[in-house]
Amino acid sequence: MTRSTVLQAEVKGALEDFRQYQKREGLNDADAVRDLLSFALRIKLNDSDYDRSS
C-alpha cells in the first residue's frame, strides 16, 4: 500500500471562488483542494503547448 503525500501551502486572499466551489460540491477543505489540484494537473500535463508562450 502506498503512503499518502501530505502537501501544505499558505494561500493568501479571501478565496471566495474556492469557498463557492467547496459549498456547491459539498466538500471539506482537503477534498476540495485535492479535487482542484487533480483537475489543474490533468490540464497542465495534457496541454501540448504547455511550454509555449501565447
PDB file of N, CA and C in Angstrom:
ATOM      1  N   MET A   1       0.841  -1.175   0.000  1.00  0.00           N
ATOM      2  CA  MET A   1       0.000   0.000   0.000  1.00  0.00           C
ATOM      3  C   MET A   1       0.884   1.236   0.000  1.00  0.00           C
ATOM      4  N   THR A   2       0.563   2.197  -0.836  1.00  0.00           N
ATOM      5  CA  THR A   2       1.371   3.409  -0.916  1.00  0.00           C
ATOM      6  C   THR A   2       0.962   4.406   0.151  1.00  0.00           C
ATOM      7  N   ARG A   3       1.923   5.195   0.553  1.00  0.00           N
ATOM      8  CA  ARG A   3       1.650   6.245   1.530  1.00  0.00           C
ATOM      9  C   ARG A   3       1.085   7.466   0.847  1.00  0.00           C
ATOM     10  N   SER A   4       0.258   8.177   1.548  1.00  0.00           N
ATOM     11  CA  SER A   4      -0.268   9.441   1.038  1.00  0.00           C
ATOM     12  C   SER A   4       0.810  10.504   1.131  1.00  0.00           C
ATOM     13  N   THR A   5       0.802  11.409   0.188  1.00  0.00           N
ATOM     14  CA  THR A   5       1.699  12.557   0.216  1.00  0.00           C
ATOM     15  C   THR A   5       0.962  13.714   0.870  1.00  0.00           C
ATOM     16  N   VAL A   6       1.592  14.319   1.834  1.00  0.00           N
ATOM     17  CA  VAL A   6       0.994  15.451   2.530  1.00  0.00           C
ATOM     18  C   VAL A   6       1.578  16.729   1.942  1.00  0.00           C
ATOM     19  N   LEU A   7       0.713  17.620   1.503  1.00  0.00           N
ATOM     20  CA  LEU A   7       1.116  18.917   0.974  1.00  0.00           C
ATOM     21  C   LEU A   7       0.550  19.987   1.885  1.00  0.00           C
ATOM     22  N   GLN A   8       1.329  21.037   2.072  1.00  0.00           N
ATOM     23  CA  GLN A   8       0.852  22.135   2.893  1.00  0.00           C
ATOM     24  C   GLN A   8       1.279  23.431   2.222  1.00  0.00           C
ATOM     25  N   ALA A   9       0.345  24.362   2.077  1.00  0.00           N
ATOM     26  CA  ALA A   9       0.645  25.642   1.451  1.00  0.00           C
ATOM     27  C   ALA A   9      -0.258  26.717   2.030  1.00  0.00           C
ATOM     28  N   GLU A  10       0.305  27.878   2.193  1.00  0.00           N
ATOM     29  CA  GLU A  10      -0.481  29.021   2.648  1.00  0.00           C
ATOM     30  C   GLU A  10      -1.027  29.738   1.419  1.00  0.00           C
ATOM     31  N   VAL A  11      -2.308  30.022   1.451  1.00  0.00           N
ATOM     32  CA  VAL A  11      -2.951  30.726   0.349  1.00  0.00           C
ATOM     33  C   VAL A  11      -3.476  32.046   0.879  1.00  0.00           C
ATOM     34  N   LYS A  12      -2.989  33.131   0.326  1.00  0.00           N
ATOM     35  CA  LYS A  12      -3.414  34.451   0.782  1.00  0.00           C
ATOM     36  C   LYS A  12      -4.641  34.898   0.011  1.00  0.00           C
ATOM     37  N   GLY A  13      -5.454  35.686   0.622  1.00  0.00           N
ATOM     38  CA  GLY A  13      -6.641  36.209  -0.033  1.00  0.00           C
ATOM     39  C   GLY A  13      -7.907  35.623   0.554  1.00  0.00           C
ATOM     40  N   ALA A  14      -9.014  36.121   0.113  1.00  0.00           N
ATOM     41  CA  ALA A  14     -10.305  35.721   0.667  1.00  0.00           C
ATOM     42  C   ALA A  14     -10.791  34.368   0.149  1.00  0.00           C
ATOM     43  N   LEU A  15     -10.361  33.975  -1.042  1.00  0.00           N
ATOM     44  CA  LEU A  15     -10.731  32.687  -1.636  1.00  0.00           C
ATOM     45  C   LEU A  15     -12.233  32.512  -1.831  1.00  0.00           C
ATOM     46  N   GLU A  16     -12.907  33.558  -2.240  1.00  0.00           N
ATOM     47  CA  GLU A  16     -14.359  33.460  -2.430  1.00  0.00           C
ATOM     48  C   GLU A  16     -14.720  32.387  -3.446  1.00  0.00           C
ATOM     49  N   ASP A  17     -13.971  32.302  -4.554  1.00  0.00           N
ATOM     50  CA  ASP A  17     -14.267  31.296  -5.573  1.00  0.00           C
ATOM     51  C   ASP A  17     -14.078  29.885  -5.031  1.00  0.00           C
ATOM     52  N   PHE A  18     -13.020  29.686  -4.236  1.00  0.00           N
ATOM     53  CA  PHE A  18     -12.782  28.376  -3.630  1.00  0.00           C
ATOM     54  C   PHE A  18     -13.924  28.003  -2.701  1.00  0.00           C
ATOM     55  N   ARG A  19     -14.325  28.924  -1.857  1.00  0.00           N
ATOM     56  CA  ARG A  19     -15.408  28.646  -0.909  1.00  0.00           C
ATOM     57  C   ARG A  19     -16.723  28.378  -1.639  1.00  0.00           C
ATOM     58  N   GLN A  20     -16.959  29.093  -2.728  1.00  0.00           N
ATOM     59  CA  GLN A  20     -18.169  28.874  -3.523  1.00  0.00           C
ATOM     60  C   GLN A  20     -18.147  27.470  -4.139  1.00  0.00           C
ATOM     61  N   TYR A  21     -16.999  27.086  -4.703  1.00  0.00           N
ATOM     62  CA  TYR A  21     -16.856  25.747  -5.275  1.00  0.00           C
ATOM     63  C   TYR A  21     -17.051  24.682  -4.186  1.00  0.00           C
ATOM     64  N   GLN A  22     -16.411  24.892  -3.054  1.00  0.00           N
ATOM     65  CA  GLN A  22     -16.471  23.953  -1.937  1.00  0.00           C
ATOM     66  C   GLN A  22     -17.912  23.749  -1.467  1.00  0.00           C
ATOM     67  N   LYS A  23     -18.633  24.835  -1.326  1.00  0.00           N
ATOM     68  CA  LYS A  23     -20.030  24.760  -0.873  1.00  0.00           C
ATOM     69  C   LYS A  23     -20.905  24.082  -1.919  1.00  0.00           C
ATOM     70  N   ARG A  24     -20.707  24.454  -3.195  1.00  0.00           N
ATOM     71  CA  ARG A  24     -21.506  23.877  -4.269  1.00  0.00           C
ATOM     72  C   ARG A  24     -21.318  22.359  -4.371  1.00  0.00           C
ATOM     73  N   GLU A  25     -20.066  21.895  -4.180  1.00  0.00           N
ATOM     74  CA  GLU A  25     -19.770  20.474  -4.287  1.00  0.00           C
ATOM     75  C   GLU A  25     -19.957  19.720  -2.978  1.00  0.00           C
ATOM     76  N   GLY A  26     -20.130  20.453  -1.878  1.00  0.00           N
ATOM     77  CA  GLY A  26     -20.313  19.817  -0.577  1.00  0.00           C
ATOM     78  C   GLY A  26     -19.049  19.136  -0.063  1.00  0.00           C
ATOM     79  N   LEU A  27     -17.903  19.786  -0.273  1.00  0.00           N
ATOM     80  CA  LEU A  27     -16.610  19.205   0.081  1.00  0.00           C
ATOM     81  C   LEU A  27     -15.980  19.914   1.271  1.00  0.00           C
ATOM     82  N   ASN A  28     -15.161  19.190   2.025  1.00  0.00           N
ATOM     83  CA  ASN A  28     -14.372  19.837   3.062  1.00  0.00           C
ATOM     84  C   ASN A  28     -13.123  20.437   2.417  1.00  0.00           C
ATOM     85  N   ASP A  29     -12.304  21.146   3.184  1.00  0.00           N
ATOM     86  CA  ASP A  29     -11.122  21.813   2.629  1.00  0.00           C
ATOM     87  C   ASP A  29     -10.207  20.841   1.882  1.00  0.00           C
ATOM     88  N   ALA A  30      -9.868  19.732   2.525  1.00  0.00           N
ATOM     89  CA  ALA A  30      -8.923  18.782   1.935  1.00  0.00           C
ATOM     90  C   ALA A  30      -9.454  18.184   0.635  1.00  0.00           C
ATOM     91  N   ASP A  31     -10.716  17.791   0.627  1.00  0.00           N
ATOM     92  CA  ASP A  31     -11.291  17.191  -0.580  1.00  0.00           C
ATOM     93  C   ASP A  31     -11.402  18.199  -1.723  1.00  0.00           C
ATOM     94  N   ALA A  32     -11.754  19.428  -1.405  1.00  0.00           N
ATOM     95  CA  ALA A  32     -11.862  20.456  -2.433  1.00  0.00           C
ATOM     96  C   ALA A  32     -10.492  20.755  -3.041  1.00  0.00           C
ATOM     97  N   VAL A  33      -9.474  20.885  -2.205  1.00  0.00           N
ATOM     98  CA  VAL A  33      -8.121  21.147  -2.716  1.00  0.00           C
ATOM     99  C   VAL A  33      -7.644  19.967  -3.548  1.00  0.00           C
ATOM    100  N   ARG A  34      -7.866  18.751  -3.070  1.00  0.00           N
ATOM    101  CA  ARG A  34      -7.455  17.556  -3.808  1.00  0.00           C
ATOM    102  C   ARG A  34      -8.127  17.501  -5.175  1.00  0.00           C
ATOM    103  N   ASP A  35      -9.412  17.788  -5.219  1.00  0.00           N
ATOM    104  CA  ASP A  35     -10.164  17.774  -6.475  1.00  0.00           C
ATOM    105  C   ASP A  35      -9.638  18.825  -7.447  1.00  0.00           C
ATOM    106  N   LEU A  36      -9.457  20.041  -6.971  1.00  0.00           N
ATOM    107  CA  LEU A  36      -8.989  21.121  -7.836  1.00  0.00           C
ATOM    108  C   LEU A  36      -7.546  20.924  -8.288  1.00  0.00           C
ATOM    109  N   LEU A  37      -6.688  20.411  -7.407  1.00  0.00           N
ATOM    110  CA  LEU A  37      -5.304  20.151  -7.772  1.00  0.00           C
ATOM    111  C   LEU A  37      -5.224  19.058  -8.834  1.00  0.00           C
ATOM    112  N   SER A  38      -5.982  18.007  -8.686  1.00  0.00           N
ATOM    113  CA  SER A  38      -6.010  16.934  -9.681  1.00  0.00           C
ATOM    114  C   SER A  38      -6.486  17.459 -11.033  1.00  0.00           C
ATOM    115  N   PHE A  39      -7.520  18.277 -11.005  1.00  0.00           N
ATOM    116  CA  PHE A  39      -8.052  18.872 -12.236  1.00  0.00           C
ATOM    117  C   PHE A  39      -7.005  19.753 -12.923  1.00  0.00           C
ATOM    118  N   ALA A  40      -6.349  20.612 -12.155  1.00  0.00           N
ATOM    119  CA  ALA A  40      -5.332  21.505 -12.719  1.00  0.00           C
ATOM    120  C   ALA A  40      -4.156  20.716 -13.283  1.00  0.00           C
ATOM    121  N   LEU A  41      -3.737  19.682 -12.597  1.00  0.00           N
ATOM    122  CA  LEU A  41      -2.620  18.871 -13.082  1.00  0.00           C
ATOM    123  C   LEU A  41      -2.980  18.132 -14.363  1.00  0.00           C
ATOM    124  N   ARG A  42      -4.205  17.620 -14.476  1.00  0.00           N
ATOM    125  CA  ARG A  42      -4.625  16.965 -15.720  1.00  0.00           C
ATOM    126  C   ARG A  42      -4.574  17.955 -16.878  1.00  0.00           C
ATOM    127  N   ILE A  43      -5.017  19.181 -16.652  1.00  0.00           N
ATOM    128  CA  ILE A  43      -4.976  20.201 -17.699  1.00  0.00           C
ATOM    129  C   ILE A  43      -3.538  20.501 -18.094  1.00  0.00           C
ATOM    130  N   LYS A  44      -2.686  20.775 -17.112  1.00  0.00           N
ATOM    131  CA  LYS A  44      -1.298  21.144 -17.379  1.00  0.00           C
ATOM    132  C   LYS A  44      -0.524  20.015 -18.051  1.00  0.00           C
ATOM    133  N   LEU A  45      -0.693  18.795 -17.590  1.00  0.00           N
ATOM    134  CA  LEU A  45       0.076  17.669 -18.120  1.00  0.00           C
ATOM    135  C   LEU A  45      -0.400  17.215 -19.491  1.00  0.00           C
ATOM    136  N   ASN A  46      -1.620  17.529 -19.850  1.00  0.00           N
ATOM    137  CA  ASN A  46      -2.155  17.131 -21.154  1.00  0.00           C
ATOM    138  C   ASN A  46      -2.120  18.250 -22.181  1.00  0.00           C
ATOM    139  N   ASP A  47      -1.649  19.411 -21.800  1.00  0.00           N
ATOM    140  CA  ASP A  47      -1.588  20.550 -22.701  1.00  0.00           C
ATOM    141  C   ASP A  47      -0.331  20.457 -23.557  1.00  0.00           C
ATOM    142  N   SER A  48      -0.499  20.196 -24.847  1.00  0.00           N
ATOM    143  CA  SER A  48       0.657  20.035 -25.732  1.00  0.00           C
ATOM    144  C   SER A  48       1.438  21.331 -25.916  1.00  0.00           C
ATOM    145  N   ASP A  49       0.822  22.466 -25.660  1.00  0.00           N
ATOM    146  CA  ASP A  49       1.500  23.762 -25.802  1.00  0.00           C
ATOM    147  C   ASP A  49       1.938  24.322 -24.462  1.00  0.00           C
ATOM    148  N   TYR A  50       2.112  23.475 -23.463  1.00  0.00           N
ATOM    149  CA  TYR A  50       2.414  23.899 -22.094  1.00  0.00           C
ATOM    150  C   TYR A  50       3.624  24.834 -22.011  1.00  0.00           C
ATOM    151  N   ASP A  51       4.693  24.495 -22.723  1.00  0.00           N
ATOM    152  CA  ASP A  51       5.926  25.296 -22.628  1.00  0.00           C
ATOM    153  C   ASP A  51       5.969  26.461 -23.616  1.00  0.00           C
ATOM    154  N   ARG A  52       4.995  26.553 -24.479  1.00  0.00           N
ATOM    155  CA  ARG A  52       4.983  27.606 -25.490  1.00  0.00           C
ATOM    156  C   ARG A  52       4.251  28.841 -24.980  1.00  0.00           C
ATOM    157  N   SER A  53       4.852  29.992 -25.176  1.00  0.00           N
ATOM    158  CA  SER A  53       4.177  31.226 -24.756  1.00  0.00           C
ATOM    159  C   SER A  53       3.023  31.538 -25.694  1.00  0.00           C
ATOM    160  N   SER A  54       2.025  32.239 -25.171  1.00  0.00           N
ATOM    161  CA  SER A  54       0.862  32.560 -26.005  1.00  0.00           C
ATOM    162  C   SER A  54       1.078  33.810 -26.803  1.00  0.00           C
TER     163      SER A  54
END
